[in-house]
Amino acid sequence: MPNTYFLVPGYGAQGGTAEDLKPCFNENGLGAIVNSSRGIIAAYKSEKYARFGGDHFGEASRQAVIDMVTDINRVL
């Protein structure tokens, strides 16, 4: 199925790393949709994003997404 996208769970809170995801993408950086639900929706609870606090959970989530994209693009 060379032209099919696959949902790849496990990144972030479940311990998956960008390096673990690298084989999921083709030479054009396509082929996978990375899921990180808990790592994004509960980012404000982690030490890395605690500075945002619970009242600004949206900003913490936004930063977690930006960091995730940067991390994954680093290995592609």
PDB file of N, CA and C in Angstrom:
ATOM      1  N   MET A   1       0.834  -1.177   0.000  1.00  0.00           N
ATOM      2  CA  MET A   1       0.000   0.000   0.000  1.00  0.00           C
ATOM      3  C   MET A   1       0.889   1.254   0.000  1.00  0.00           C
ATOM      4  N   PRO A   2       1.627   1.477  -1.044  1.00  0.00           N
ATOM      5  CA  PRO A   2       2.615   2.565  -1.071  1.00  0.00           C
ATOM      6  C   PRO A   2       2.022   3.971  -1.043  1.00  0.00           C
ATOM      7  N   ASN A   3       0.760   4.126  -1.341  1.00  0.00           N
ATOM      8  CA  ASN A   3       0.152   5.459  -1.372  1.00  0.00           C
ATOM      9  C   ASN A   3      -0.868   5.669  -0.263  1.00  0.00           C
ATOM     10  N   THR A   4      -0.769   4.889   0.794  1.00  0.00           N
ATOM     11  CA  THR A   4      -1.709   4.969   1.907  1.00  0.00           C
ATOM     12  C   THR A   4      -1.037   5.627   3.102  1.00  0.00           C
ATOM     13  N   TYR A   5      -1.786   6.507   3.758  1.00  0.00           N
ATOM     14  CA  TYR A   5      -1.287   7.125   4.993  1.00  0.00           C
ATOM     15  C   TYR A   5      -1.674   6.238   6.172  1.00  0.00           C
ATOM     16  N   PHE A   6      -0.798   6.125   7.143  1.00  0.00           N
ATOM     17  CA  PHE A   6      -1.051   5.327   8.331  1.00  0.00           C
ATOM     18  C   PHE A   6      -1.055   6.211   9.567  1.00  0.00           C
ATOM     19  N   LEU A   7      -1.997   5.915  10.477  1.00  0.00           N
ATOM     20  CA  LEU A   7      -2.039   6.604  11.762  1.00  0.00           C
ATOM     21  C   LEU A   7      -0.990   5.959  12.658  1.00  0.00           C
ATOM     22  N   VAL A   8      -0.101   6.784  13.200  1.00  0.00           N
ATOM     23  CA  VAL A   8       0.993   6.290  14.024  1.00  0.00           C
ATOM     24  C   VAL A   8       0.805   6.791  15.449  1.00  0.00           C
ATOM     25  N   PRO A   9       0.335   5.944  16.356  1.00  0.00           N
ATOM     26  CA  PRO A   9       0.168   6.349  17.754  1.00  0.00           C
ATOM     27  C   PRO A   9       1.462   6.186  18.527  1.00  0.00           C
ATOM     28  N   GLY A  10       1.470   6.723  19.721  1.00  0.00           N
ATOM     29  CA  GLY A  10       2.566   6.448  20.636  1.00  0.00           C
ATOM     30  C   GLY A  10       3.589   7.539  20.799  1.00  0.00           C
ATOM     31  N   TYR A  11       3.518   8.596  19.985  1.00  0.00           N
ATOM     32  CA  TYR A  11       4.503   9.671  20.108  1.00  0.00           C
ATOM     33  C   TYR A  11       4.218  10.486  21.368  1.00  0.00           C
ATOM     34  N   GLY A  12       5.253  10.924  22.049  1.00  0.00           N
ATOM     35  CA  GLY A  12       5.077  11.837  23.187  1.00  0.00           C
ATOM     36  C   GLY A  12       4.832  11.132  24.499  1.00  0.00           C
ATOM     37  N   ALA A  13       3.641  11.314  25.058  1.00  0.00           N
ATOM     38  CA  ALA A  13       3.326  10.801  26.392  1.00  0.00           C
ATOM     39  C   ALA A  13       3.500   9.288  26.503  1.00  0.00           C
ATOM     40  N   GLN A  14       3.333   8.576  25.404  1.00  0.00           N
ATOM     41  CA  GLN A  14       3.486   7.128  25.432  1.00  0.00           C
ATOM     42  C   GLN A  14       4.924   6.681  25.227  1.00  0.00           C
ATOM     43  N   GLY A  15       5.817   7.630  25.002  1.00  0.00           N
ATOM     44  CA  GLY A  15       7.240   7.300  24.939  1.00  0.00           C
ATOM     45  C   GLY A  15       7.851   7.251  23.562  1.00  0.00           C
ATOM     46  N   GLY A  16       7.039   7.349  22.516  1.00  0.00           N
ATOM     47  CA  GLY A  16       7.583   7.323  21.168  1.00  0.00           C
ATOM     48  C   GLY A  16       8.368   8.587  20.865  1.00  0.00           C
ATOM     49  N   THR A  17       9.436   8.446  20.108  1.00  0.00           N
ATOM     50  CA  THR A  17      10.289   9.579  19.766  1.00  0.00           C
ATOM     51  C   THR A  17      10.259   9.826  18.261  1.00  0.00           C
ATOM     52  N   ALA A  18      10.776  10.970  17.847  1.00  0.00           N
ATOM     53  CA  ALA A  18      10.870  11.277  16.421  1.00  0.00           C
ATOM     54  C   ALA A  18      11.709  10.223  15.709  1.00  0.00           C
ATOM     55  N   GLU A  19      12.769   9.772  16.344  1.00  0.00           N
ATOM     56  CA  GLU A  19      13.614   8.743  15.734  1.00  0.00           C
ATOM     57  C   GLU A  19      12.824   7.460  15.496  1.00  0.00           C
ATOM     58  N   ASP A  20      11.909   7.133  16.401  1.00  0.00           N
ATOM     59  CA  ASP A  20      11.072   5.939  16.234  1.00  0.00           C
ATOM     60  C   ASP A  20      10.141   6.077  15.030  1.00  0.00           C
ATOM     61  N   LEU A  21       9.760   7.310  14.698  1.00  0.00           N
ATOM     62  CA  LEU A  21       8.811   7.563  13.620  1.00  0.00           C
ATOM     63  C   LEU A  21       9.440   7.614  12.241  1.00  0.00           C
ATOM     64  N   LYS A  22      10.720   7.848  12.173  1.00  0.00           N
ATOM     65  CA  LYS A  22      11.386   8.051  10.889  1.00  0.00           C
ATOM     66  C   LYS A  22      11.042   6.984   9.847  1.00  0.00           C
ATOM     67  N   PRO A  23      11.013   5.696  10.195  1.00  0.00           N
ATOM     68  CA  PRO A  23      10.698   4.676   9.184  1.00  0.00           C
ATOM     69  C   PRO A  23       9.254   4.736   8.662  1.00  0.00           C
ATOM     70  N   CYS A  24       8.397   5.493   9.317  1.00  0.00           N
ATOM     71  CA  CYS A  24       6.992   5.583   8.907  1.00  0.00           C
ATOM     72  C   CYS A  24       6.797   6.529   7.726  1.00  0.00           C
ATOM     73  N   PHE A  25       7.802   7.323   7.406  1.00  0.00           N
ATOM     74  CA  PHE A  25       7.690   8.323   6.351  1.00  0.00           C
ATOM     75  C   PHE A  25       8.509   7.916   5.133  1.00  0.00           C
ATOM     76  N   ASN A  26       8.044   8.353   3.957  1.00  0.00           N
ATOM     77  CA  ASN A  26       8.809   8.075   2.748  1.00  0.00           C
ATOM     78  C   ASN A  26       9.854   9.165   2.514  1.00  0.00           C
ATOM     79  N   GLU A  27      10.541   9.090   1.385  1.00  0.00           N
ATOM     80  CA  GLU A  27      11.617  10.040   1.099  1.00  0.00           C
ATOM     81  C   GLU A  27      11.123  11.475   0.929  1.00  0.00           C
ATOM     82  N   ASN A  28       9.818  11.658   0.737  1.00  0.00           N
ATOM     83  CA  ASN A  28       9.231  12.994   0.613  1.00  0.00           C
ATOM     84  C   ASN A  28       8.660  13.504   1.931  1.00  0.00           C
ATOM     85  N   GLY A  29       8.841  12.736   3.007  1.00  0.00           N
ATOM     86  CA  GLY A  29       8.304  13.127   4.304  1.00  0.00           C
ATOM     87  C   GLY A  29       6.815  12.863   4.440  1.00  0.00           C
ATOM     88  N   LEU A  30       6.290  11.966   3.626  1.00  0.00           N
ATOM     89  CA  LEU A  30       4.861  11.634   3.642  1.00  0.00           C
ATOM     90  C   LEU A  30       4.669  10.182   4.069  1.00  0.00           C
ATOM     91  N   GLY A  31       3.431   9.834   4.403  1.00  0.00           N
ATOM     92  CA  GLY A  31       3.108   8.441   4.682  1.00  0.00           C
ATOM     93  C   GLY A  31       2.540   8.180   6.055  1.00  0.00           C
ATOM     94  N   ALA A  32       2.595   9.169   6.954  1.00  0.00           N
ATOM     95  CA  ALA A  32       2.121   8.930   8.316  1.00  0.00           C
ATOM     96  C   ALA A  32       1.397  10.148   8.866  1.00  0.00           C
ATOM     97  N   ILE A  33       0.425   9.872   9.705  1.00  0.00           N
ATOM     98  CA  ILE A  33      -0.249  10.888  10.501  1.00  0.00           C
ATOM     99  C   ILE A  33       0.075  10.533  11.947  1.00  0.00           C
ATOM    100  N   VAL A  34       0.786  11.411  12.620  1.00  0.00           N
ATOM    101  CA  VAL A  34       1.261  11.126  13.970  1.00  0.00           C
ATOM    102  C   VAL A  34       0.244  11.604  14.995  1.00  0.00           C
ATOM    103  N   ASN A  35      -0.109  10.720  15.910  1.00  0.00           N
ATOM    104  CA  ASN A  35      -1.071  11.035  16.958  1.00  0.00           C
ATOM    105  C   ASN A  35      -0.341  11.254  18.279  1.00  0.00           C
ATOM    106  N   SER A  36      -0.716  12.334  18.954  1.00  0.00           N
ATOM    107  CA  SER A  36      -0.149  12.625  20.270  1.00  0.00           C
ATOM    108  C   SER A  36      -1.215  13.294  21.139  1.00  0.00           C
ATOM    109  N   SER A  37      -2.350  12.658  21.278  1.00  0.00           N
ATOM    110  CA  SER A  37      -3.489  13.271  21.982  1.00  0.00           C
ATOM    111  C   SER A  37      -3.143  13.735  23.385  1.00  0.00           C
ATOM    112  N   ARG A  38      -2.708  12.835  24.217  1.00  0.00           N
ATOM    113  CA  ARG A  38      -2.433  13.176  25.622  1.00  0.00           C
ATOM    114  C   ARG A  38      -1.295  14.186  25.746  1.00  0.00           C
ATOM    115  N   GLY A  39      -0.283  14.053  24.914  1.00  0.00           N
ATOM    116  CA  GLY A  39       0.836  14.968  24.956  1.00  0.00           C
ATOM    117  C   GLY A  39       0.453  16.390  24.589  1.00  0.00           C
ATOM    118  N   ILE A  40      -0.642  16.530  23.844  1.00  0.00           N
ATOM    119  CA  ILE A  40      -1.095  17.856  23.428  1.00  0.00           C
ATOM    120  C   ILE A  40      -2.184  18.393  24.347  1.00  0.00           C
ATOM    121  N   ILE A  41      -3.237  17.608  24.570  1.00  0.00           N
ATOM    122  CA  ILE A  41      -4.356  18.145  25.358  1.00  0.00           C
ATOM    123  C   ILE A  41      -4.018  18.320  26.833  1.00  0.00           C
ATOM    124  N   ALA A  42      -3.035  17.588  27.309  1.00  0.00           N
ATOM    125  CA  ALA A  42      -2.641  17.713  28.718  1.00  0.00           C
ATOM    126  C   ALA A  42      -1.234  18.278  28.861  1.00  0.00           C
ATOM    127  N   ALA A  43      -0.791  19.019  27.855  1.00  0.00           N
ATOM    128  CA  ALA A  43       0.570  19.562  27.880  1.00  0.00           C
ATOM    129  C   ALA A  43       0.819  20.417  29.113  1.00  0.00           C
ATOM    130  N   TYR A  44      -0.173  21.194  29.523  1.00  0.00           N
ATOM    131  CA  TYR A  44       0.007  22.101  30.668  1.00  0.00           C
ATOM    132  C   TYR A  44       0.327  21.362  31.964  1.00  0.00           C
ATOM    133  N   LYS A  45       0.060  20.061  32.020  1.00  0.00           N
ATOM    134  CA  LYS A  45       0.347  19.266  33.210  1.00  0.00           C
ATOM    135  C   LYS A  45       1.799  18.793  33.254  1.00  0.00           C
ATOM    136  N   SER A  46       2.493  18.877  32.121  1.00  0.00           N
ATOM    137  CA  SER A  46       3.879  18.399  32.103  1.00  0.00           C
ATOM    138  C   SER A  46       4.813  19.504  32.569  1.00  0.00           C
ATOM    139  N   GLU A  47       5.939  19.100  33.088  1.00  0.00           N
ATOM    140  CA  GLU A  47       6.924  20.058  33.611  1.00  0.00           C
ATOM    141  C   GLU A  47       7.391  21.028  32.531  1.00  0.00           C
ATOM    142  N   LYS A  48       7.538  20.524  31.320  1.00  0.00           N
ATOM    143  CA  LYS A  48       8.037  21.341  30.218  1.00  0.00           C
ATOM    144  C   LYS A  48       7.131  22.537  29.921  1.00  0.00           C
ATOM    145  N   TYR A  49       5.821  22.366  30.118  1.00  0.00           N
ATOM    146  CA  TYR A  49       4.866  23.421  29.780  1.00  0.00           C
ATOM    147  C   TYR A  49       4.134  23.969  31.003  1.00  0.00           C
ATOM    148  N   ALA A  50       4.619  23.664  32.178  1.00  0.00           N
ATOM    149  CA  ALA A  50       3.965  24.088  33.426  1.00  0.00           C
ATOM    150  C   ALA A  50       3.879  25.607  33.538  1.00  0.00           C
ATOM    151  N   ARG A  51       4.772  26.312  32.889  1.00  0.00           N
ATOM    152  CA  ARG A  51       4.774  27.775  32.973  1.00  0.00           C
ATOM    153  C   ARG A  51       3.478  28.390  32.437  1.00  0.00           C
ATOM    154  N   PHE A  52       2.753  27.660  31.597  1.00  0.00           N
ATOM    155  CA  PHE A  52       1.493  28.166  31.058  1.00  0.00           C
ATOM    156  C   PHE A  52       0.356  28.074  32.075  1.00  0.00           C
ATOM    157  N   GLY A  53       0.410  27.061  32.929  1.00  0.00           N
ATOM    158  CA  GLY A  53      -0.629  26.864  33.936  1.00  0.00           C
ATOM    159  C   GLY A  53      -1.934  26.380  33.327  1.00  0.00           C
ATOM    160  N   GLY A  54      -2.831  25.949  34.194  1.00  0.00           N
ATOM    161  CA  GLY A  54      -4.113  25.410  33.771  1.00  0.00           C
ATOM    162  C   GLY A  54      -5.014  26.420  33.087  1.00  0.00           C
ATOM    163  N   ASP A  55      -4.904  27.680  33.457  1.00  0.00           N
ATOM    164  CA  ASP A  55      -5.744  28.714  32.849  1.00  0.00           C
ATOM    165  C   ASP A  55      -5.369  28.995  31.395  1.00  0.00           C
ATOM    166  N   HIS A  56      -4.171  28.605  31.021  1.00  0.00           N
ATOM    167  CA  HIS A  56      -3.698  28.850  29.658  1.00  0.00           C
ATOM    168  C   HIS A  56      -3.333  27.532  28.974  1.00  0.00           C
ATOM    169  N   PHE A  57      -4.186  26.537  29.175  1.00  0.00           N
ATOM    170  CA  PHE A  57      -3.906  25.207  28.616  1.00  0.00           C
ATOM    171  C   PHE A  57      -3.822  25.238  27.091  1.00  0.00           C
ATOM    172  N   GLY A  58      -4.577  26.138  26.465  1.00  0.00           N
ATOM    173  CA  GLY A  58      -4.543  26.233  25.010  1.00  0.00           C
ATOM    174  C   GLY A  58      -3.179  26.649  24.491  1.00  0.00           C
ATOM    175  N   GLU A  59      -2.568  27.602  25.164  1.00  0.00           N
ATOM    176  CA  GLU A  59      -1.237  28.038  24.770  1.00  0.00           C
ATOM    177  C   GLU A  59      -0.205  26.934  24.983  1.00  0.00           C
ATOM    178  N   ALA A  60      -0.378  26.180  26.071  1.00  0.00           N
ATOM    179  CA  ALA A  60       0.518  25.042  26.317  1.00  0.00           C
ATOM    180  C   ALA A  60       0.361  24.001  25.212  1.00  0.00           C
ATOM    181  N   SER A  61      -0.877  23.731  24.822  1.00  0.00           N
ATOM    182  CA  SER A  61      -1.136  22.774  23.743  1.00  0.00           C
ATOM    183  C   SER A  61      -0.539  23.245  22.429  1.00  0.00           C
ATOM    184  N   ARG A  62      -0.712  24.524  22.142  1.00  0.00           N
ATOM    185  CA  ARG A  62      -0.148  25.080  20.909  1.00  0.00           C
ATOM    186  C   ARG A  62       1.364  24.915  20.890  1.00  0.00           C
ATOM    187  N   GLN A  63       2.020  25.219  21.983  1.00  0.00           N
ATOM    188  CA  GLN A  63       3.474  25.078  22.034  1.00  0.00           C
ATOM    189  C   GLN A  63       3.885  23.621  21.902  1.00  0.00           C
ATOM    190  N   ALA A  64       3.113  22.711  22.487  1.00  0.00           N
ATOM    191  CA  ALA A  64       3.416  21.283  22.369  1.00  0.00           C
ATOM    192  C   ALA A  64       3.333  20.831  20.909  1.00  0.00           C
ATOM    193  N   VAL A  65       2.358  21.348  20.159  1.00  0.00           N
ATOM    194  CA  VAL A  65       2.236  21.004  18.742  1.00  0.00           C
ATOM    195  C   VAL A  65       3.426  21.559  17.961  1.00  0.00           C
ATOM    196  N   ILE A  66       3.783  22.809  18.215  1.00  0.00           N
ATOM    197  CA  ILE A  66       4.934  23.413  17.536  1.00  0.00           C
ATOM    198  C   ILE A  66       6.197  22.611  17.814  1.00  0.00           C
ATOM    199  N   ASP A  67       6.393  22.214  19.065  1.00  0.00           N
ATOM    200  CA  ASP A  67       7.571  21.424  19.431  1.00  0.00           C
ATOM    201  C   ASP A  67       7.551  20.042  18.774  1.00  0.00           C
ATOM    202  N   MET A  68       6.361  19.437  18.682  1.00  0.00           N
ATOM    203  CA  MET A  68       6.230  18.124  18.054  1.00  0.00           C
ATOM    204  C   MET A  68       6.584  18.203  16.570  1.00  0.00           C
ATOM    205  N   VAL A  69       6.062  19.182  15.875  1.00  0.00           N
ATOM    206  CA  VAL A  69       6.350  19.345  14.448  1.00  0.00           C
ATOM    207  C   VAL A  69       7.844  19.570  14.226  1.00  0.00           C
ATOM    208  N   THR A  70       8.436  20.424  15.038  1.00  0.00           N
ATOM    209  CA  THR A  70       9.870  20.698  14.932  1.00  0.00           C
ATOM    210  C   THR A  70      10.679  19.427  15.162  1.00  0.00           C
ATOM    211  N   ASP A  71      10.288  18.660  16.175  1.00  0.00           N
ATOM    212  CA  ASP A  71      10.988  17.419  16.501  1.00  0.00           C
ATOM    213  C   ASP A  71      10.899  16.403  15.380  1.00  0.00           C
ATOM    214  N   ILE A  72       9.716  16.217  14.823  1.00  0.00           N
ATOM    215  CA  ILE A  72       9.545  15.235  13.751  1.00  0.00           C
ATOM    216  C   ILE A  72      10.258  15.697  12.486  1.00  0.00           C
ATOM    217  N   ASN A  73      10.137  16.976  12.142  1.00  0.00           N
ATOM    218  CA  ASN A  73      10.814  17.484  10.938  1.00  0.00           C
ATOM    219  C   ASN A  73      12.329  17.364  11.050  1.00  0.00           C
ATOM    220  N   ARG A  74      12.832  17.355  12.259  1.00  0.00           N
ATOM    221  CA  ARG A  74      14.271  17.223  12.490  1.00  0.00           C
ATOM    222  C   ARG A  74      14.820  15.898  11.952  1.00  0.00           C
ATOM    223  N   VAL A  75      14.018  14.853  11.975  1.00  0.00           N
ATOM    224  CA  VAL A  75      14.503  13.534  11.537  1.00  0.00           C
ATOM    225  C   VAL A  75      14.116  13.180  10.103  1.00  0.00           C
ATOM    226  N   LEU A  76      13.327  14.025   9.486  1.00  0.00           N
ATOM    227  CA  LEU A  76      12.903  13.723   8.100  1.00  0.00           C
ATOM    228  C   LEU A  76      13.906  14.218   7.083  1.00  0.00           C
TER     229      LEU A  76
END
